[in-house]
N, C-alpha and C. Protein backbone atom coordinates (compact mmCIF):
# COMPACT_ATOMS: atom_id res chain seq x y z
N MET A 1 235.99 -70.09 36.36
CA MET A 1 236.91 -69.40 37.25
C MET A 1 238.32 -69.50 36.70
N ILE A 2 239.11 -68.53 37.10
CA ILE A 2 240.52 -68.51 36.71
C ILE A 2 241.35 -68.88 37.93
N ARG A 3 242.25 -69.78 37.74
CA ARG A 3 243.11 -70.21 38.83
C ARG A 3 244.25 -69.21 38.99
N THR A 4 244.54 -68.84 40.24
CA THR A 4 245.63 -67.91 40.52
C THR A 4 246.33 -68.34 41.80
N GLN A 5 247.43 -67.70 42.07
CA GLN A 5 248.23 -68.06 43.24
C GLN A 5 248.55 -66.79 44.02
N ILE A 6 248.48 -66.88 45.35
CA ILE A 6 248.83 -65.73 46.19
C ILE A 6 249.79 -66.19 47.27
N GLN A 7 250.46 -65.22 47.86
CA GLN A 7 251.33 -65.50 49.00
C GLN A 7 250.76 -64.76 50.20
N LEU A 8 250.69 -65.46 51.33
CA LEU A 8 250.17 -64.89 52.56
C LEU A 8 251.22 -64.98 53.65
N PRO A 9 251.22 -64.01 54.56
CA PRO A 9 252.06 -64.18 55.74
C PRO A 9 251.60 -65.44 56.48
N GLU A 10 252.53 -66.12 57.11
CA GLU A 10 252.21 -67.39 57.76
C GLU A 10 251.09 -67.24 58.78
N GLU A 11 251.10 -66.15 59.54
CA GLU A 11 250.05 -65.95 60.55
C GLU A 11 248.67 -65.83 59.89
N ASP A 12 248.57 -65.08 58.79
CA ASP A 12 247.29 -64.95 58.08
C ASP A 12 246.85 -66.29 57.51
N TYR A 13 247.79 -67.05 56.98
CA TYR A 13 247.48 -68.37 56.44
C TYR A 13 246.86 -69.26 57.52
N GLU A 14 247.48 -69.28 58.69
CA GLU A 14 246.97 -70.12 59.78
C GLU A 14 245.60 -69.65 60.26
N ARG A 15 245.43 -68.36 60.37
CA ARG A 15 244.13 -67.82 60.79
C ARG A 15 243.06 -68.18 59.78
N LEU A 16 243.36 -68.00 58.50
CA LEU A 16 242.41 -68.31 57.44
C LEU A 16 242.08 -69.80 57.43
N ARG A 17 243.10 -70.63 57.59
CA ARG A 17 242.89 -72.08 57.61
C ARG A 17 241.97 -72.47 58.76
N ASN A 18 242.18 -71.87 59.93
CA ASN A 18 241.34 -72.18 61.09
C ASN A 18 239.90 -71.73 60.89
N VAL A 19 239.71 -70.53 60.37
CA VAL A 19 238.35 -70.03 60.13
C VAL A 19 237.64 -70.90 59.10
N ALA A 20 238.31 -71.21 58.02
CA ALA A 20 237.71 -72.04 56.98
C ALA A 20 237.34 -73.41 57.54
N SER A 21 238.20 -73.98 58.35
CA SER A 21 237.93 -75.29 58.94
C SER A 21 236.72 -75.24 59.87
N ARG A 22 236.67 -74.21 60.71
CA ARG A 22 235.52 -74.07 61.63
C ARG A 22 234.21 -73.90 60.88
N GLN A 23 234.26 -73.23 59.74
CA GLN A 23 233.04 -72.97 58.97
C GLN A 23 232.74 -74.07 57.96
N GLY A 24 233.63 -75.05 57.86
CA GLY A 24 233.42 -76.13 56.89
C GLY A 24 233.53 -75.66 55.46
N ARG A 25 234.40 -74.70 55.23
CA ARG A 25 234.58 -74.13 53.90
C ARG A 25 236.03 -74.29 53.47
N SER A 26 236.26 -74.10 52.20
CA SER A 26 237.63 -74.11 51.71
C SER A 26 238.25 -72.73 51.95
N MET A 27 239.57 -72.70 52.02
CA MET A 27 240.27 -71.43 52.13
C MET A 27 239.99 -70.58 50.90
N ALA A 28 239.94 -71.21 49.74
CA ALA A 28 239.68 -70.49 48.49
C ALA A 28 238.32 -69.80 48.54
N ASP A 29 237.32 -70.47 49.10
CA ASP A 29 236.00 -69.88 49.21
C ASP A 29 236.03 -68.65 50.12
N CYS A 30 236.74 -68.75 51.23
CA CYS A 30 236.86 -67.60 52.14
C CYS A 30 237.57 -66.44 51.46
N ILE A 31 238.61 -66.74 50.71
CA ILE A 31 239.35 -65.69 50.00
C ILE A 31 238.46 -65.03 48.95
N ARG A 32 237.68 -65.84 48.21
CA ARG A 32 236.77 -65.27 47.21
C ARG A 32 235.75 -64.34 47.87
N GLU A 33 235.24 -64.75 49.03
CA GLU A 33 234.28 -63.90 49.74
C GLU A 33 234.94 -62.58 50.16
N GLY A 34 236.17 -62.65 50.65
CA GLY A 34 236.88 -61.44 51.04
C GLY A 34 237.11 -60.51 49.87
N ILE A 35 237.47 -61.07 48.74
CA ILE A 35 237.69 -60.26 47.53
C ILE A 35 236.38 -59.61 47.10
N ASP A 36 235.29 -60.37 47.14
CA ASP A 36 233.99 -59.83 46.76
C ASP A 36 233.61 -58.65 47.67
N LEU A 37 233.79 -58.81 48.98
CA LEU A 37 233.47 -57.73 49.92
C LEU A 37 234.34 -56.50 49.65
N PHE A 38 235.62 -56.71 49.42
CA PHE A 38 236.54 -55.61 49.13
C PHE A 38 236.11 -54.86 47.87
N LEU A 39 235.82 -55.61 46.81
CA LEU A 39 235.45 -54.97 45.55
C LEU A 39 234.13 -54.22 45.66
N ARG A 40 233.16 -54.79 46.36
CA ARG A 40 231.88 -54.09 46.54
C ARG A 40 232.09 -52.77 47.28
N ARG A 41 232.90 -52.80 48.34
CA ARG A 41 233.15 -51.58 49.11
C ARG A 41 233.89 -50.56 48.25
N THR A 42 234.89 -50.99 47.54
CA THR A 42 235.67 -50.09 46.70
C THR A 42 234.80 -49.49 45.60
N GLU A 43 233.98 -50.30 44.97
CA GLU A 43 233.11 -49.80 43.90
C GLU A 43 232.07 -48.83 44.44
N SER A 44 231.53 -49.10 45.63
CA SER A 44 230.53 -48.19 46.19
C SER A 44 231.17 -46.87 46.58
N GLU A 45 232.43 -46.88 47.04
CA GLU A 45 233.12 -45.63 47.35
C GLU A 45 233.37 -44.84 46.09
N THR A 46 233.71 -45.52 45.01
CA THR A 46 233.98 -44.86 43.73
C THR A 46 232.73 -44.18 43.19
N ASN A 47 231.56 -44.76 43.44
CA ASN A 47 230.31 -44.23 42.90
C ASN A 47 229.53 -43.40 43.93
N ASP A 48 230.16 -43.03 45.03
CA ASP A 48 229.47 -42.28 46.08
C ASP A 48 229.55 -40.79 45.79
N PHE A 49 228.56 -40.29 45.09
CA PHE A 49 228.55 -38.87 44.72
C PHE A 49 228.10 -37.98 45.88
N SER A 50 227.61 -38.57 46.96
CA SER A 50 227.17 -37.76 48.09
C SER A 50 228.33 -37.05 48.76
N ARG A 51 229.56 -37.48 48.49
CA ARG A 51 230.73 -36.84 49.09
C ARG A 51 231.17 -35.60 48.31
N LEU A 52 230.57 -35.38 47.15
CA LEU A 52 230.93 -34.22 46.35
C LEU A 52 230.26 -32.97 46.92
N PRO A 53 230.89 -31.82 46.81
CA PRO A 53 230.27 -30.60 47.33
C PRO A 53 229.03 -30.23 46.52
N ALA A 54 228.06 -29.66 47.21
CA ALA A 54 226.84 -29.21 46.54
C ALA A 54 227.06 -27.78 46.04
N PHE A 55 226.61 -27.53 44.85
CA PHE A 55 226.75 -26.20 44.27
C PHE A 55 225.36 -25.63 43.97
N HIS A 56 225.29 -24.33 44.06
CA HIS A 56 224.05 -23.64 43.72
C HIS A 56 224.22 -23.04 42.33
N ALA A 57 223.15 -23.06 41.56
CA ALA A 57 223.21 -22.52 40.20
C ALA A 57 223.52 -21.03 40.24
N ARG A 58 224.36 -20.61 39.34
CA ARG A 58 224.73 -19.20 39.23
C ARG A 58 224.36 -18.72 37.82
N PRO A 59 224.04 -17.46 37.69
CA PRO A 59 223.76 -16.94 36.35
C PRO A 59 225.00 -17.05 35.46
N PRO A 60 224.81 -17.26 34.15
CA PRO A 60 225.95 -17.42 33.24
C PRO A 60 226.97 -16.29 33.32
N GLU A 61 226.52 -15.06 33.53
CA GLU A 61 227.48 -13.96 33.58
C GLU A 61 228.40 -14.05 34.80
N ASP A 62 228.01 -14.83 35.78
CA ASP A 62 228.84 -14.98 36.97
C ASP A 62 229.80 -16.16 36.89
N LEU A 63 229.79 -16.89 35.79
CA LEU A 63 230.63 -18.08 35.69
C LEU A 63 232.12 -17.77 35.81
N LYS A 64 232.51 -16.55 35.50
CA LYS A 64 233.93 -16.20 35.59
C LYS A 64 234.45 -16.33 37.03
N ASP A 65 233.54 -16.34 38.00
CA ASP A 65 233.93 -16.44 39.41
C ASP A 65 233.90 -17.87 39.95
N HIS A 66 233.85 -18.84 39.06
CA HIS A 66 233.69 -20.23 39.52
C HIS A 66 234.83 -20.69 40.41
N ASP A 67 236.07 -20.23 40.18
CA ASP A 67 237.19 -20.63 41.03
C ASP A 67 237.00 -20.14 42.46
N ARG A 68 236.51 -18.92 42.59
CA ARG A 68 236.26 -18.37 43.93
C ARG A 68 235.17 -19.17 44.63
N TRP A 69 234.09 -19.51 43.90
CA TRP A 69 233.00 -20.28 44.50
C TRP A 69 233.47 -21.68 44.90
N TRP A 70 234.33 -22.26 44.08
CA TRP A 70 234.89 -23.58 44.41
C TRP A 70 235.69 -23.48 45.71
N ALA A 71 236.53 -22.45 45.82
CA ALA A 71 237.34 -22.26 47.02
C ALA A 71 236.45 -22.07 48.24
N GLU A 72 235.36 -21.32 48.09
CA GLU A 72 234.43 -21.12 49.20
C GLU A 72 233.77 -22.44 49.61
N ALA A 73 233.38 -23.24 48.63
CA ALA A 73 232.75 -24.53 48.93
C ALA A 73 233.71 -25.44 49.68
N VAL A 74 234.96 -25.46 49.25
CA VAL A 74 235.96 -26.28 49.92
C VAL A 74 236.19 -25.77 51.34
N ALA A 75 236.27 -24.45 51.50
CA ALA A 75 236.49 -23.86 52.82
C ALA A 75 235.33 -24.17 53.77
N GLU A 76 234.13 -24.32 53.23
CA GLU A 76 232.96 -24.63 54.04
C GLU A 76 232.85 -26.12 54.35
N GLY A 77 233.81 -26.90 53.92
CA GLY A 77 233.78 -28.33 54.20
C GLY A 77 233.11 -29.14 53.12
N GLY A 78 232.96 -28.58 51.95
CA GLY A 78 232.32 -29.29 50.85
C GLY A 78 233.18 -30.38 50.27
N GLU A 79 234.48 -30.35 50.53
CA GLU A 79 235.36 -31.39 50.01
C GLU A 79 236.49 -31.58 51.01
N SER A 80 236.91 -32.83 51.15
CA SER A 80 238.01 -33.11 52.08
C SER A 80 239.31 -33.26 51.35
């Protein structure tokens, strides 16, 4: 592990200290768990391709209209 230092608002520090004490854990362990949860959520959002609009295959001669099709997909709620 790599040692690092963070600054917390006093209220968060006290809350974290109390939770860690109640659970019989170190504050560092609680912080590591929080970081792990944050990174997992962030990474899963980054790799969530289900949020991308679905496209239907078009014949090659129609590819010149791809901007219009993209605009239609966005208008239909395919992208936020």
